[in-house]
PDB file of N, CA and C in Angstrom:
ATOM      1  N   MET A   1       9.024  20.502  33.400  1.00  0.00           N
ATOM      2  CA  MET A   1      10.290  20.121  32.808  1.00  0.00           C
ATOM      3  C   MET A   1      11.278  19.602  33.841  1.00  0.00           C
ATOM      4  N   ALA A   2      11.226  20.187  34.986  1.00  0.00           N
ATOM      5  CA  ALA A   2      12.143  19.793  36.043  1.00  0.00           C
ATOM      6  C   ALA A   2      11.846  18.362  36.502  1.00  0.00           C
ATOM      7  N   LYS A   3      10.548  18.003  36.479  1.00  0.00           N
ATOM      8  CA  LYS A   3      10.174  16.640  36.867  1.00  0.00           C
ATOM      9  C   LYS A   3      10.758  15.618  35.902  1.00  0.00           C
ATOM     10  N   LYS A   4      10.666  15.930  34.579  1.00  0.00           N
ATOM     11  CA  LYS A   4      11.184  15.009  33.563  1.00  0.00           C
ATOM     12  C   LYS A   4      12.687  14.834  33.717  1.00  0.00           C
ATOM     13  N   ALA A   5      13.375  15.933  33.956  1.00  0.00           N
ATOM     14  CA  ALA A   5      14.828  15.883  34.108  1.00  0.00           C
ATOM     15  C   ALA A   5      15.209  15.067  35.337  1.00  0.00           C
ATOM     16  N   SER A   6      14.500  15.251  36.411  1.00  0.00           N
ATOM     17  CA  SER A   6      14.819  14.513  37.636  1.00  0.00           C
ATOM     18  C   SER A   6      14.502  13.027  37.473  1.00  0.00           C
ATOM     19  N   LYS A   7      13.431  12.718  36.712  1.00  0.00           N
ATOM     20  CA  LYS A   7      13.102  11.321  36.441  1.00  0.00           C
ATOM     21  C   LYS A   7      14.209  10.662  35.622  1.00  0.00           C
ATOM     22  N   LYS A   8      14.743  11.400  34.605  1.00  0.00           N
ATOM     23  CA  LYS A   8      15.821  10.872  33.764  1.00  0.00           C
ATOM     24  C   LYS A   8      17.059  10.582  34.595  1.00  0.00           C
ATOM     25  N   VAL A   9      17.404  11.526  35.457  1.00  0.00           N
ATOM     26  CA  VAL A   9      18.578  11.373  36.313  1.00  0.00           C
ATOM     27  C   VAL A   9      18.380  10.171  37.244  1.00  0.00           C
ATOM     28  N   ALA A  10      17.178  10.052  37.797  1.00  0.00           N
ATOM     29  CA  ALA A  10      16.883   8.937  38.693  1.00  0.00           C
ATOM     30  C   ALA A  10      16.979   7.603  37.951  1.00  0.00           C
ATOM     31  N   LYS A  11      16.476   7.548  36.698  1.00  0.00           N
ATOM     32  CA  LYS A  11      16.545   6.319  35.890  1.00  0.00           C
ATOM     33  C   LYS A  11      17.990   5.943  35.606  1.00  0.00           C
ATOM     34  N   LYS A  12      18.815   6.951  35.227  1.00  0.00           N
ATOM     35  CA  LYS A  12      20.224   6.692  34.934  1.00  0.00           C
ATOM     36  C   LYS A  12      20.938   6.164  36.177  1.00  0.00           C
ATOM     37  N   ALA A  13      20.659   6.771  37.313  1.00  0.00           N
ATOM     38  CA  ALA A  13      21.279   6.338  38.561  1.00  0.00           C
ATOM     39  C   ALA A  13      20.865   4.905  38.903  1.00  0.00           C
ATOM     40  N   ALA A  14      19.589   4.603  38.707  1.00  0.00           N
ATOM     41  CA  ALA A  14      19.088   3.256  38.977  1.00  0.00           C
ATOM     42  C   ALA A  14      19.758   2.227  38.057  1.00  0.00           C
ATOM     43  N   LYS A  15      19.934   2.589  36.770  1.00  0.00           N
ATOM     44  CA  LYS A  15      20.597   1.688  35.811  1.00  0.00           C
ATOM     45  C   LYS A  15      22.039   1.437  36.227  1.00  0.00           C
ATOM     46  N   LYS A  16      22.741   2.521  36.667  1.00  0.00           N
ATOM     47  CA  LYS A  16      24.128   2.386  37.093  1.00  0.00           C
ATOM     48  C   LYS A  16      24.248   1.435  38.278  1.00  0.00           C
ATOM     49  N   VAL A  17      23.370   1.626  39.247  1.00  0.00           N
ATOM     50  CA  VAL A  17      23.376   0.781  40.439  1.00  0.00           C
ATOM     51  C   VAL A  17      23.085  -0.672  40.046  1.00  0.00           C
ATOM     52  N   ALA A  18      22.132  -0.873  39.144  1.00  0.00           N
ATOM     53  CA  ALA A  18      21.776  -2.220  38.699  1.00  0.00           C
ATOM     54  C   ALA A  18      22.953  -2.886  37.982  1.00  0.00           C
ATOM     55  N   LYS A  19      23.670  -2.124  37.136  1.00  0.00           N
ATOM     56  CA  LYS A  19      24.825  -2.656  36.411  1.00  0.00           C
ATOM     57  C   LYS A  19      25.913  -3.089  37.385  1.00  0.00           C
ATOM     58  N   LYS A  20      26.198  -2.224  38.379  1.00  0.00           N
ATOM     59  CA  LYS A  20      27.230  -2.548  39.360  1.00  0.00           C
ATOM     60  C   LYS A  20      26.856  -3.804  40.143  1.00  0.00           C
ATOM     61  N   ALA A  21      25.610  -3.896  40.538  1.00  0.00           N
ATOM     62  CA  ALA A  21      25.143  -5.068  41.280  1.00  0.00           C
ATOM     63  C   ALA A  21      25.266  -6.332  40.427  1.00  0.00           C
ATOM     64  N   ALA A  22      24.902  -6.219  39.148  1.00  0.00           N
ATOM     65  CA  ALA A  22      24.995  -7.368  38.237  1.00  0.00           C
ATOM     66  C   ALA A  22      26.448  -7.800  38.077  1.00  0.00           C
ATOM     67  N   LYS A  23      27.376  -6.842  37.964  1.00  0.00           N
ATOM     68  CA  LYS A  23      28.798  -7.175  37.823  1.00  0.00           C
ATOM     69  C   LYS A  23      29.302  -7.907  39.060  1.00  0.00           C
ATOM     70  N   LYS A  24      28.879  -7.426  40.241  1.00  0.00           N
ATOM     71  CA  LYS A  24      29.293  -8.073  41.489  1.00  0.00           C
ATOM     72  C   LYS A  24      28.800  -9.513  41.553  1.00  0.00           C
ATOM     73  N   VAL A  25      27.557  -9.707  41.158  1.00  0.00           N
ATOM     74  CA  VAL A  25      26.974 -11.055  41.178  1.00  0.00           C
ATOM     75  C   VAL A  25      27.737 -11.979  40.238  1.00  0.00           C
ATOM     76  N   VAL A  26      28.066 -11.479  39.041  1.00  0.00           N
ATOM     77  CA  VAL A  26      28.791 -12.286  38.056  1.00  0.00           C
ATOM     78  C   VAL A  26      30.187 -12.621  38.583  1.00  0.00           C
ATOM     79  N   LYS A  27      30.858 -11.630  39.187  1.00  0.00           N
ATOM     80  CA  LYS A  27      32.190 -11.877  39.733  1.00  0.00           C
ATOM     81  C   LYS A  27      32.146 -12.912  40.847  1.00  0.00           C
ATOM     82  N   LYS A  28      31.165 -12.791  41.739  1.00  0.00           N
ATOM     83  CA  LYS A  28      31.031 -13.744  42.837  1.00  0.00           C
ATOM     84  C   LYS A  28      30.797 -15.159  42.306  1.00  0.00           C
ATOM     85  N   ALA A  29      29.939 -15.272  41.302  1.00  0.00           N
ATOM     86  CA  ALA A  29      29.638 -16.587  40.721  1.00  0.00           C
ATOM     87  C   ALA A  29      30.886 -17.178  40.078  1.00  0.00           C
ATOM     88  N   ALA A  30      31.632 -16.337  39.366  1.00  0.00           N
ATOM     89  CA  ALA A  30      32.856 -16.820  38.716  1.00  0.00           C
ATOM     90  C   ALA A  30      33.869 -17.289  39.754  1.00  0.00           C
ATOM     91  N   LYS A  31      34.008 -16.534  40.846  1.00  0.00           N
ATOM     92  CA  LYS A  31      34.935 -16.941  41.902  1.00  0.00           C
ATOM     93  C   LYS A  31      34.509 -18.262  42.527  1.00  0.00           C
ATOM     94  N   LYS A  32      33.212 -18.412  42.737  1.00  0.00           N
ATOM     95  CA  LYS A  32      32.680 -19.629  43.341  1.00  0.00           C
ATOM     96  C   LYS A  32      32.979 -20.846  42.458  1.00  0.00           C
ATOM     97  N   VAL A  33      32.758 -20.692  41.159  1.00  0.00           N
ATOM     98  CA  VAL A  33      33.013 -21.781  40.213  1.00  0.00           C
ATOM     99  C   VAL A  33      34.500 -22.116  40.189  1.00  0.00           C
ATOM    100  N   ALA A  34      35.347 -21.098  40.192  1.00  0.00           N
ATOM    101  CA  ALA A  34      36.788 -21.327  40.173  1.00  0.00           C
ATOM    102  C   ALA A  34      37.238 -22.046  41.442  1.00  0.00           C
ATOM    103  N   LYS A  35      36.690 -21.653  42.588  1.00  0.00           N
ATOM    104  CA  LYS A  35      37.043 -22.309  43.844  1.00  0.00           C
ATOM    105  C   LYS A  35      36.648 -23.783  43.825  1.00  0.00           C
ATOM    106  N   LYS A  36      35.440 -24.066  43.310  1.00  0.00           N
ATOM    107  CA  LYS A  36      34.974 -25.449  43.235  1.00  0.00           C
ATOM    108  C   LYS A  36      35.879 -26.281  42.341  1.00  0.00           C
ATOM    109  N   ALA A  37      36.289 -25.708  41.203  1.00  0.00           N
ATOM    110  CA  ALA A  37      37.146 -26.431  40.265  1.00  0.00           C
ATOM    111  C   ALA A  37      38.497 -26.751  40.903  1.00  0.00           C
ATOM    112  N   VAL A  38      39.059 -25.786  41.615  1.00  0.00           N
ATOM    113  CA  VAL A  38      40.344 -26.004  42.276  1.00  0.00           C
ATOM    114  C   VAL A  38      40.203 -27.050  43.373  1.00  0.00           C
ATOM    115  N   LYS A  39      39.112 -26.970  44.128  1.00  0.00           N
ATOM    116  CA  LYS A  39      38.864 -27.909  45.216  1.00  0.00           C
ATOM    117  C   LYS A  39      38.705 -29.329  44.673  1.00  0.00           C
ATOM    118  N   LYS A  40      37.962 -29.457  43.567  1.00  0.00           N
ATOM    119  CA  LYS A  40      37.729 -30.758  42.955  1.00  0.00           C
ATOM    120  C   LYS A  40      39.039 -31.349  42.444  1.00  0.00           C
ATOM    121  N   ALA A  41      39.865 -30.514  41.797  1.00  0.00           N
ATOM    122  CA  ALA A  41      41.140 -30.976  41.257  1.00  0.00           C
ATOM    123  C   ALA A  41      42.079 -31.408  42.374  1.00  0.00           C
ATOM    124  N   ALA A  42      42.043 -30.712  43.480  1.00  0.00           N
ATOM    125  CA  ALA A  42      42.910 -31.043  44.602  1.00  0.00           C
ATOM    126  C   ALA A  42      42.478 -32.347  45.275  1.00  0.00           C
ATOM    127  N   LYS A  43      41.189 -32.644  45.298  1.00  0.00           N
ATOM    128  CA  LYS A  43      40.678 -33.850  45.940  1.00  0.00           C
ATOM    129  C   LYS A  43      41.009 -35.114  45.156  1.00  0.00           C
ATOM    130  N   ARG A  44      41.089 -35.039  43.840  1.00  0.00           N
ATOM    131  CA  ARG A  44      41.246 -36.204  42.968  1.00  0.00           C
ATOM    132  C   ARG A  44      42.587 -36.876  43.192  1.00  0.00           C
ATOM    133  N   LYS A  45      42.553 -38.090  43.745  1.00  0.00           N
ATOM    134  CA  LYS A  45      43.758 -38.875  43.951  1.00  0.00           C
ATOM    135  C   LYS A  45      43.504 -40.270  43.408  1.00  0.00           C
ATOM    136  N   PRO A  46      44.517 -40.899  42.812  1.00  0.00           N
ATOM    137  CA  PRO A  46      44.308 -42.253  42.289  1.00  0.00           C
ATOM    138  C   PRO A  46      44.069 -43.250  43.418  1.00  0.00           C
ATOM    139  N   ASN A  47      43.275 -44.255  43.104  1.00  0.00           N
ATOM    140  CA  ASN A  47      42.947 -45.287  44.075  1.00  0.00           C
ATOM    141  C   ASN A  47      44.179 -46.163  44.307  1.00  0.00           C
ATOM    142  N   ALA A  48      44.554 -46.334  45.540  1.00  0.00           N
ATOM    143  CA  ALA A  48      45.749 -47.107  45.878  1.00  0.00           C
ATOM    144  C   ALA A  48      45.620 -48.577  45.474  1.00  0.00           C
ATOM    145  N   ALA A  49      44.396 -49.085  45.440  1.00  0.00           N
ATOM    146  CA  ALA A  49      44.182 -50.488  45.058  1.00  0.00           C
ATOM    147  C   ALA A  49      44.596 -50.736  43.607  1.00  0.00           C
ATOM    148  N   PHE A  50      44.410 -49.741  42.746  1.00  0.00           N
ATOM    149  CA  PHE A  50      44.809 -49.898  41.349  1.00  0.00           C
ATOM    150  C   PHE A  50      46.324 -49.819  41.184  1.00  0.00           C
ATOM    151  N   MET A  51      46.984 -49.156  42.101  1.00  0.00           N
ATOM    152  CA  MET A  51      48.421 -48.949  41.985  1.00  0.00           C
ATOM    153  C   MET A  51      49.252 -50.055  42.646  1.00  0.00           C
ATOM    154  N   ALA A  52      48.613 -50.942  43.384  1.00  0.00           N
ATOM    155  CA  ALA A  52      49.336 -52.023  44.056  1.00  0.00           C
ATOM    156  C   ALA A  52      49.892 -53.004  43.032  1.00  0.00           C
ATOM    157  N   ALA A  53      51.145 -53.383  43.198  1.00  0.00           N
ATOM    158  CA  ALA A  53      51.789 -54.322  42.272  1.00  0.00           C
ATOM    159  C   ALA A  53      51.240 -55.725  42.506  1.00  0.00           C
ATOM    160  N   LEU A  54      50.864 -56.384  41.417  1.00  0.00           N
ATOM    161  CA  LEU A  54      50.303 -57.735  41.485  1.00  0.00           C
ATOM    162  C   LEU A  54      51.207 -58.697  40.713  1.00  0.00           C
ATOM    163  N   THR A  55      51.338 -59.901  41.212  1.00  0.00           N
ATOM    164  CA  THR A  55      52.166 -60.912  40.558  1.00  0.00           C
ATOM    165  C   THR A  55      51.301 -61.747  39.620  1.00  0.00           C
ATOM    166  N   PRO A  56      51.639 -61.792  38.325  1.00  0.00           N
ATOM    167  CA  PRO A  56      50.824 -62.570  37.375  1.00  0.00           C
ATOM    168  C   PRO A  56      51.083 -64.064  37.485  1.00  0.00           C
ATOM    169  N   SER A  57      50.072 -64.849  37.126  1.00  0.00           N
ATOM    170  CA  SER A  57      50.226 -66.311  37.097  1.00  0.00           C
ATOM    171  C   SER A  57      51.091 -66.679  35.893  1.00  0.00           C
ATOM    172  N   ALA A  58      51.419 -67.949  35.763  1.00  0.00           N
ATOM    173  CA  ALA A  58      52.287 -68.401  34.672  1.00  0.00           C
ATOM    174  C   ALA A  58      51.634 -68.156  33.305  1.00  0.00           C
ATOM    175  N   THR A  59      50.308 -68.410  33.200  1.00  0.00           N
ATOM    176  CA  THR A  59      49.626 -68.207  31.916  1.00  0.00           C
ATOM    177  C   THR A  59      49.557 -66.729  31.551  1.00  0.00           C
ATOM    178  N   LEU A  60      49.319 -65.877  32.528  1.00  0.00           N
ATOM    179  CA  LEU A  60      49.289 -64.437  32.266  1.00  0.00           C
ATOM    180  C   LEU A  60      50.694 -63.919  31.996  1.00  0.00           C
ATOM    181  N   ALA A  61      51.694 -64.484  32.674  1.00  0.00           N
ATOM    182  CA  ALA A  61      53.089 -64.068  32.471  1.00  0.00           C
ATOM    183  C   ALA A  61      53.554 -64.364  31.052  1.00  0.00           C
ATOM    184  N   ALA A  62      52.976 -65.381  30.411  1.00  0.00           N
ATOM    185  CA  ALA A  62      53.333 -65.702  29.028  1.00  0.00           C
ATOM    186  C   ALA A  62      52.931 -64.569  28.084  1.00  0.00           C
ATOM    187  N   VAL A  63      51.923 -63.797  28.465  1.00  0.00           N
ATOM    188  CA  VAL A  63      51.440 -62.704  27.621  1.00  0.00           C
ATOM    189  C   VAL A  63      52.106 -61.375  27.987  1.00  0.00           C
ATOM    190  N   ILE A  64      52.216 -61.081  29.295  1.00  0.00           N
ATOM    191  CA  ILE A  64      52.683 -59.749  29.706  1.00  0.00           C
ATOM    192  C   ILE A  64      54.052 -59.726  30.367  1.00  0.00           C
ATOM    193  N   GLY A  65      54.619 -60.886  30.674  1.00  0.00           N
ATOM    194  CA  GLY A  65      55.888 -60.933  31.398  1.00  0.00           C
ATOM    195  C   GLY A  65      55.619 -61.256  32.861  1.00  0.00           C
ATOM    196  N   ASN A  66      56.669 -61.698  33.580  1.00  0.00           N
ATOM    197  CA  ASN A  66      56.446 -62.171  34.949  1.00  0.00           C
ATOM    198  C   ASN A  66      56.758 -61.131  36.020  1.00  0.00           C
ATOM    199  N   LYS A  67      56.974 -59.901  35.642  1.00  0.00           N
ATOM    200  CA  LYS A  67      57.257 -58.828  36.595  1.00  0.00           C
ATOM    201  C   LYS A  67      55.964 -58.388  37.292  1.00  0.00           C
ATOM    202  N   ALA A  68      56.039 -58.099  38.586  1.00  0.00           N
ATOM    203  CA  ALA A  68      54.868 -57.635  39.338  1.00  0.00           C
ATOM    204  C   ALA A  68      54.574 -56.184  38.959  1.00  0.00           C
ATOM    205  N   ILE A  69      53.363 -55.934  38.444  1.00  0.00           N
ATOM    206  CA  ILE A  69      52.966 -54.593  38.013  1.00  0.00           C
ATOM    207  C   ILE A  69      51.526 -54.307  38.449  1.00  0.00           C
ATOM    208  N   PRO A  70      51.120 -53.043  38.463  1.00  0.00           N
ATOM    209  CA  PRO A  70      49.744 -52.703  38.860  1.00  0.00           C
ATOM    210  C   PRO A  70      48.708 -53.233  37.864  1.00  0.00           C
ATOM    211  N   ARG A  71      47.495 -53.380  38.336  1.00  0.00           N
ATOM    212  CA  ARG A  71      46.386 -53.897  37.522  1.00  0.00           C
ATOM    213  C   ARG A  71      46.189 -53.072  36.246  1.00  0.00           C
ATOM    214  N   THR A  72      46.316 -51.759  36.361  1.00  0.00           N
ATOM    215  CA  THR A  72      46.112 -50.899  35.186  1.00  0.00           C
ATOM    216  C   THR A  72      47.139 -51.207  34.098  1.00  0.00           C
ATOM    217  N   GLU A  73      48.378 -51.436  34.513  1.00  0.00           N
ATOM    218  CA  GLU A  73      49.431 -51.756  33.552  1.00  0.00           C
ATOM    219  C   GLU A  73      49.212 -53.139  32.938  1.00  0.00           C
ATOM    220  N   ILE A  74      48.683 -54.065  33.723  1.00  0.00           N
ATOM    221  CA  ILE A  74      48.402 -55.414  33.202  1.00  0.00           C
ATOM    222  C   ILE A  74      47.398 -55.319  32.055  1.00  0.00           C
ATOM    223  N   ILE A  75      46.324 -54.565  32.274  1.00  0.00           N
ATOM    224  CA  ILE A  75      45.301 -54.406  31.232  1.00  0.00           C
ATOM    225  C   ILE A  75      45.903 -53.734  30.002  1.00  0.00           C
ATOM    226  N   LYS A  76      46.737 -52.707  30.202  1.00  0.00           N
ATOM    227  CA  LYS A  76      47.379 -52.024  29.074  1.00  0.00           C
ATOM    228  C   LYS A  76      48.233 -52.992  28.269  1.00  0.00           C
ATOM    229  N   LYS A  77      49.014 -53.817  28.971  1.00  0.00           N
ATOM    230  CA  LYS A  77      49.898 -54.755  28.270  1.00  0.00           C
ATOM    231  C   LYS A  77      49.102 -55.815  27.502  1.00  0.00           C
ATOM    232  N   ILE A  78      47.994 -56.255  28.082  1.00  0.00           N
ATOM    233  CA  ILE A  78      47.146 -57.221  27.367  1.00  0.00           C
ATOM    234  C   ILE A  78      46.603 -56.578  26.096  1.00  0.00           C
ATOM    235  N   TRP A  79      46.133 -55.316  26.211  1.00  0.00           N
ATOM    236  CA  TRP A  79      45.622 -54.632  25.021  1.00  0.00           C
ATOM    237  C   TRP A  79      46.715 -54.402  23.994  1.00  0.00           C
ATOM    238  N   ASP A  80      47.937 -54.110  24.438  1.00  0.00           N
ATOM    239  CA  ASP A  80      49.057 -53.963  23.498  1.00  0.00           C
ATOM    240  C   ASP A  80      49.281 -55.270  22.745  1.00  0.00           C
ATOM    241  N   TYR A  81      49.235 -56.387  23.466  1.00  0.00           N
ATOM    242  CA  TYR A  81      49.414 -57.706  22.854  1.00  0.00           C
ATOM    243  C   TYR A  81      48.298 -57.987  21.842  1.00  0.00           C
ATOM    244  N   ILE A  82      47.059 -57.671  22.230  1.00  0.00           N
ATOM    245  CA  ILE A  82      45.909 -57.913  21.351  1.00  0.00           C
ATOM    246  C   ILE A  82      46.027 -57.097  20.070  1.00  0.00           C
ATOM    247  N   LYS A  83      46.388 -55.838  20.203  1.00  0.00           N
ATOM    248  CA  LYS A  83      46.495 -54.967  19.018  1.00  0.00           C
ATOM    249  C   LYS A  83      47.695 -55.331  18.160  1.00  0.00           C
ATOM    250  N   LYS A  84      48.799 -55.684  18.807  1.00  0.00           N
ATOM    251  CA  LYS A  84      50.009 -56.063  18.070  1.00  0.00           C
ATOM    252  C   LYS A  84      49.762 -57.303  17.204  1.00  0.00           C
ATOM    253  N   ASN A  85      49.026 -58.265  17.759  1.00  0.00           N
ATOM    254  CA  ASN A  85      48.741 -59.510  17.045  1.00  0.00           C
ATOM    255  C   ASN A  85      47.411 -59.492  16.295  1.00  0.00           C
ATOM    256  N   LYS A  86      46.758 -58.325  16.243  1.00  0.00           N
ATOM    257  CA  LYS A  86      45.486 -58.130  15.526  1.00  0.00           C
ATOM    258  C   LYS A  86      44.446 -59.182  15.924  1.00  0.00           C
ATOM    259  N   LEU A  87      44.205 -59.278  17.230  1.00  0.00           N
ATOM    260  CA  LEU A  87      43.281 -60.278  17.739  1.00  0.00           C
ATOM    261  C   LEU A  87      41.893 -59.725  18.020  1.00  0.00           C
ATOM    262  N   GLN A  88      41.709 -58.426  17.797  1.00  0.00           N
ATOM    263  CA  GLN A  88      40.388 -57.834  17.987  1.00  0.00           C
ATOM    264  C   GLN A  88      39.525 -58.211  16.789  1.00  0.00           C
ATOM    265  N   ASP A  89      38.297 -58.643  17.044  1.00  0.00           N
ATOM    266  CA  ASP A  89      37.399 -59.069  15.968  1.00  0.00           C
ATOM    267  C   ASP A  89      37.147 -57.896  15.022  1.00  0.00           C
ATOM    268  N   SER A  90      37.208 -58.149  13.720  1.00  0.00           N
ATOM    269  CA  SER A  90      37.071 -57.053  12.741  1.00  0.00           C
ATOM    270  C   SER A  90      35.640 -56.535  12.638  1.00  0.00           C
ATOM    271  N   LYS A  91      34.655 -57.404  12.829  1.00  0.00           N
ATOM    272  CA  LYS A  91      33.254 -56.971  12.728  1.00  0.00           C
ATOM    273  C   LYS A  91      32.746 -56.394  14.040  1.00  0.00           C
ATOM    274  N   ASN A  92      33.016 -57.077  15.139  1.00  0.00           N
ATOM    275  CA  ASN A  92      32.570 -56.631  16.459  1.00  0.00           C
ATOM    276  C   ASN A  92      33.813 -56.325  17.301  1.00  0.00           C
ATOM    277  N   LYS A  93      34.185 -55.060  17.370  1.00  0.00           N
ATOM    278  CA  LYS A  93      35.430 -54.641  18.035  1.00  0.00           C
ATOM    279  C   LYS A  93      35.442 -54.936  19.542  1.00  0.00           C
ATOM    280  N   ARG A  94      34.280 -55.234  20.108  1.00  0.00           N
ATOM    281  CA  ARG A  94      34.222 -55.540  21.535  1.00  0.00           C
ATOM    282  C   ARG A  94      34.694 -56.954  21.841  1.00  0.00           C
ATOM    283  N   MET A  95      34.815 -57.773  20.839  1.00  0.00           N
ATOM    284  CA  MET A  95      35.209 -59.167  21.036  1.00  0.00           C
ATOM    285  C   MET A  95      36.703 -59.350  20.742  1.00  0.00           C
ATOM    286  N   ILE A  96      37.324 -60.235  21.512  1.00  0.00           N
ATOM    287  CA  ILE A  96      38.746 -60.526  21.364  1.00  0.00           C
ATOM    288  C   ILE A  96      38.891 -61.990  20.978  1.00  0.00           C
ATOM    289  N   ASN A  97      39.560 -62.234  19.864  1.00  0.00           N
ATOM    290  CA  ASN A  97      39.814 -63.596  19.411  1.00  0.00           C
ATOM    291  C   ASN A  97      41.081 -64.104  20.097  1.00  0.00           C
ATOM    292  N   ALA A  98      41.087 -65.367  20.491  1.00  0.00           N
ATOM    293  CA  ALA A  98      42.217 -65.921  21.231  1.00  0.00           C
ATOM    294  C   ALA A  98      43.209 -66.616  20.307  1.00  0.00           C
ATOM    295  N   ASP A  99      44.503 -66.400  20.565  1.00  0.00           N
ATOM    296  CA  ASP A  99      45.541 -67.199  19.929  1.00  0.00           C
ATOM    297  C   ASP A  99      45.978 -68.242  20.973  1.00  0.00           C
ATOM    298  N   GLU A 100      47.127 -68.930  20.756  1.00  0.00           N
ATOM    299  CA  GLU A 100      47.522 -69.991  21.685  1.00  0.00           C
ATOM    300  C   GLU A 100      47.704 -69.480  23.113  1.00  0.00           C
ATOM    301  N   LYS A 101      48.397 -68.347  23.259  1.00  0.00           N
ATOM    302  CA  LYS A 101      48.656 -67.817  24.600  1.00  0.00           C
ATOM    303  C   LYS A 101      47.371 -67.354  25.284  1.00  0.00           C
ATOM    304  N   LEU A 102      46.531 -66.662  24.545  1.00  0.00           N
ATOM    305  CA  LEU A 102      45.293 -66.151  25.129  1.00  0.00           C
ATOM    306  C   LEU A 102      44.275 -67.255  25.363  1.00  0.00           C
ATOM    307  N   LEU A 103      44.325 -68.317  24.574  1.00  0.00           N
ATOM    308  CA  LEU A 103      43.404 -69.436  24.748  1.00  0.00           C
ATOM    309  C   LEU A 103      43.553 -70.031  26.153  1.00  0.00           C
ATOM    310  N   ALA A 104      44.797 -70.158  26.612  1.00  0.00           N
ATOM    311  CA  ALA A 104      45.047 -70.663  27.965  1.00  0.00           C
ATOM    312  C   ALA A 104      44.558 -69.654  29.006  1.00  0.00           C
ATOM    313  N   LEU A 105      44.747 -68.386  28.725  1.00  0.00           N
ATOM    314  CA  LEU A 105      44.326 -67.325  29.649  1.00  0.00           C
ATOM    315  C   LEU A 105      42.808 -67.227  29.736  1.00  0.00           C
ATOM    316  N   PHE A 106      42.142 -67.428  28.605  1.00  0.00           N
ATOM    317  CA  PHE A 106      40.680 -67.308  28.543  1.00  0.00           C
ATOM    318  C   PHE A 106      39.963 -68.611  28.893  1.00  0.00           C
ATOM    319  N   ALA A 107      40.643 -69.538  29.494  1.00  0.00           N
ATOM    320  CA  ALA A 107      40.082 -70.828  29.937  1.00  0.00           C
ATOM    321  C   ALA A 107      39.490 -71.618  28.774  1.00  0.00           C
ATOM    322  N   GLY A 108      40.178 -71.643  27.641  1.00  0.00           N
ATOM    323  CA  GLY A 108      39.750 -72.446  26.503  1.00  0.00           C
ATOM    324  C   GLY A 108      38.725 -71.792  25.599  1.00  0.00           C
ATOM    325  N   LYS A 109      38.251 -70.603  25.916  1.00  0.00           N
ATOM    326  CA  LYS A 109      37.272 -69.921  25.046  1.00  0.00           C
ATOM    327  C   LYS A 109      37.995 -69.303  23.854  1.00  0.00           C
ATOM    328  N   LYS A 110      37.404 -69.478  22.669  1.00  0.00           N
ATOM    329  CA  LYS A 110      38.019 -68.932  21.459  1.00  0.00           C
ATOM    330  C   LYS A 110      37.800 -67.429  21.315  1.00  0.00           C
ATOM    331  N   GLN A 111      36.761 -66.920  21.970  1.00  0.00           N
ATOM    332  CA  GLN A 111      36.448 -65.494  21.874  1.00  0.00           C
ATOM    333  C   GLN A 111      35.834 -65.024  23.195  1.00  0.00           C
ATOM    334  N   VAL A 112      36.302 -63.851  23.672  1.00  0.00           N
ATOM    335  CA  VAL A 112      35.729 -63.259  24.882  1.00  0.00           C
ATOM    336  C   VAL A 112      35.441 -61.778  24.634  1.00  0.00           C
ATOM    337  N   SER A 113      34.588 -61.222  25.465  1.00  0.00           N
ATOM    338  CA  SER A 113      34.249 -59.803  25.367  1.00  0.00           C
ATOM    339  C   SER A 113      35.322 -58.978  26.078  1.00  0.00           C
ATOM    340  N   MET A 114      35.527 -57.772  25.595  1.00  0.00           N
ATOM    341  CA  MET A 114      36.512 -56.891  26.234  1.00  0.00           C
ATOM    342  C   MET A 114      36.109 -56.580  27.684  1.00  0.00           C
ATOM    343  N   PHE A 115      34.842 -56.671  27.983  1.00  0.00           N
ATOM    344  CA  PHE A 115      34.360 -56.377  29.323  1.00  0.00           C
ATOM    345  C   PHE A 115      34.681 -57.497  30.311  1.00  0.00           C
ATOM    346  N   ASP A 116      35.035 -58.664  29.787  1.00  0.00           N
ATOM    347  CA  ASP A 116      35.395 -59.792  30.638  1.00  0.00           C
ATOM    348  C   ASP A 116      36.875 -59.780  31.019  1.00  0.00           C
ATOM    349  N   LEU A 117      37.657 -58.887  30.430  1.00  0.00           N
ATOM    350  CA  LEU A 117      39.096 -58.867  30.685  1.00  0.00           C
ATOM    351  C   LEU A 117      39.420 -58.674  32.166  1.00  0.00           C
ATOM    352  N   ALA A 118      38.743 -57.763  32.825  1.00  0.00           N
ATOM    353  CA  ALA A 118      39.021 -57.506  34.241  1.00  0.00           C
ATOM    354  C   ALA A 118      38.765 -58.748  35.087  1.00  0.00           C
ATOM    355  N   LYS A 119      37.693 -59.458  34.783  1.00  0.00           N
ATOM    356  CA  LYS A 119      37.364 -60.680  35.510  1.00  0.00           C
ATOM    357  C   LYS A 119      38.437 -61.758  35.274  1.00  0.00           C
ATOM    358  N   ILE A 120      38.884 -61.864  34.034  1.00  0.00           N
ATOM    359  CA  ILE A 120      39.908 -62.841  33.679  1.00  0.00           C
ATOM    360  C   ILE A 120      41.228 -62.511  34.384  1.00  0.00           C
ATOM    361  N   VAL A 121      41.587 -61.229  34.357  1.00  0.00           N
ATOM    362  CA  VAL A 121      42.840 -60.807  34.989  1.00  0.00           C
ATOM    363  C   VAL A 121      42.807 -61.093  36.490  1.00  0.00           C
ATOM    364  N   SER A 122      41.669 -60.833  37.124  1.00  0.00           N
ATOM    365  CA  SER A 122      41.587 -61.037  38.580  1.00  0.00           C
ATOM    366  C   SER A 122      41.800 -62.510  38.969  1.00  0.00           C
ATOM    367  N   LYS A 123      41.481 -63.426  38.066  1.00  0.00           N
ATOM    368  CA  LYS A 123      41.688 -64.850  38.335  1.00  0.00           C
ATOM    369  C   LYS A 123      43.171 -65.237  38.212  1.00  0.00           C
ATOM    370  N   HIS A 124      43.949 -64.408  37.489  1.00  0.00           N
ATOM    371  CA  HIS A 124      45.341 -64.765  37.180  1.00  0.00           C
ATOM    372  C   HIS A 124      46.379 -63.883  37.875  1.00  0.00           C
ATOM    373  N   VAL A 125      45.984 -63.180  38.939  1.00  0.00           N
ATOM    374  CA  VAL A 125      46.952 -62.357  39.683  1.00  0.00           C
ATOM    375  C   VAL A 125      46.861 -62.683  41.177  1.00  0.00           C
ATOM    376  N   LYS A 126      47.965 -62.402  41.868  1.00  0.00           N
ATOM    377  CA  LYS A 126      48.011 -62.636  43.322  1.00  0.00           C
ATOM    378  C   LYS A 126      48.328 -61.347  44.033  1.00  0.00           C
TER     379      LYS A 126
END
C-alpha cells in the first residue's frame, strides 16, 4: 500500500512540475511574439520617395490642380475625379473610361486599365 501511495504522490508532483514548465514556455512564447510585434511596428516607416512633392504637368493639372503634391495624393485625386464623374467601366471595374480631360492625360486612349495609372502619372510629373 505504501508503494501505491508513494507512486500517486510522485505522479502528482510530476504533473505539477510539468504544468509549471508548460506555463513558463507559453509565457515565454507570448513575450517573444509581443516583442516581435512591437519591433515590427517600430520599424515601419513610410518611404520618403512617396512623400516627395511632385509638380504635375499642364494636362495632369487640369484634373488634379497645379499644386505640388506627393505621388500618393495624385493617385487619390485622380481616383476621386474618376468616381465623381462615374468614369469607371460598369462591367469591368478595372478599366477607366476617358472623358475630355482624361483623354489628353491617357495619350488619346479611350480606355485604360487601373494598373496603368502609375505609369501614366510618372510621365506627367516632375
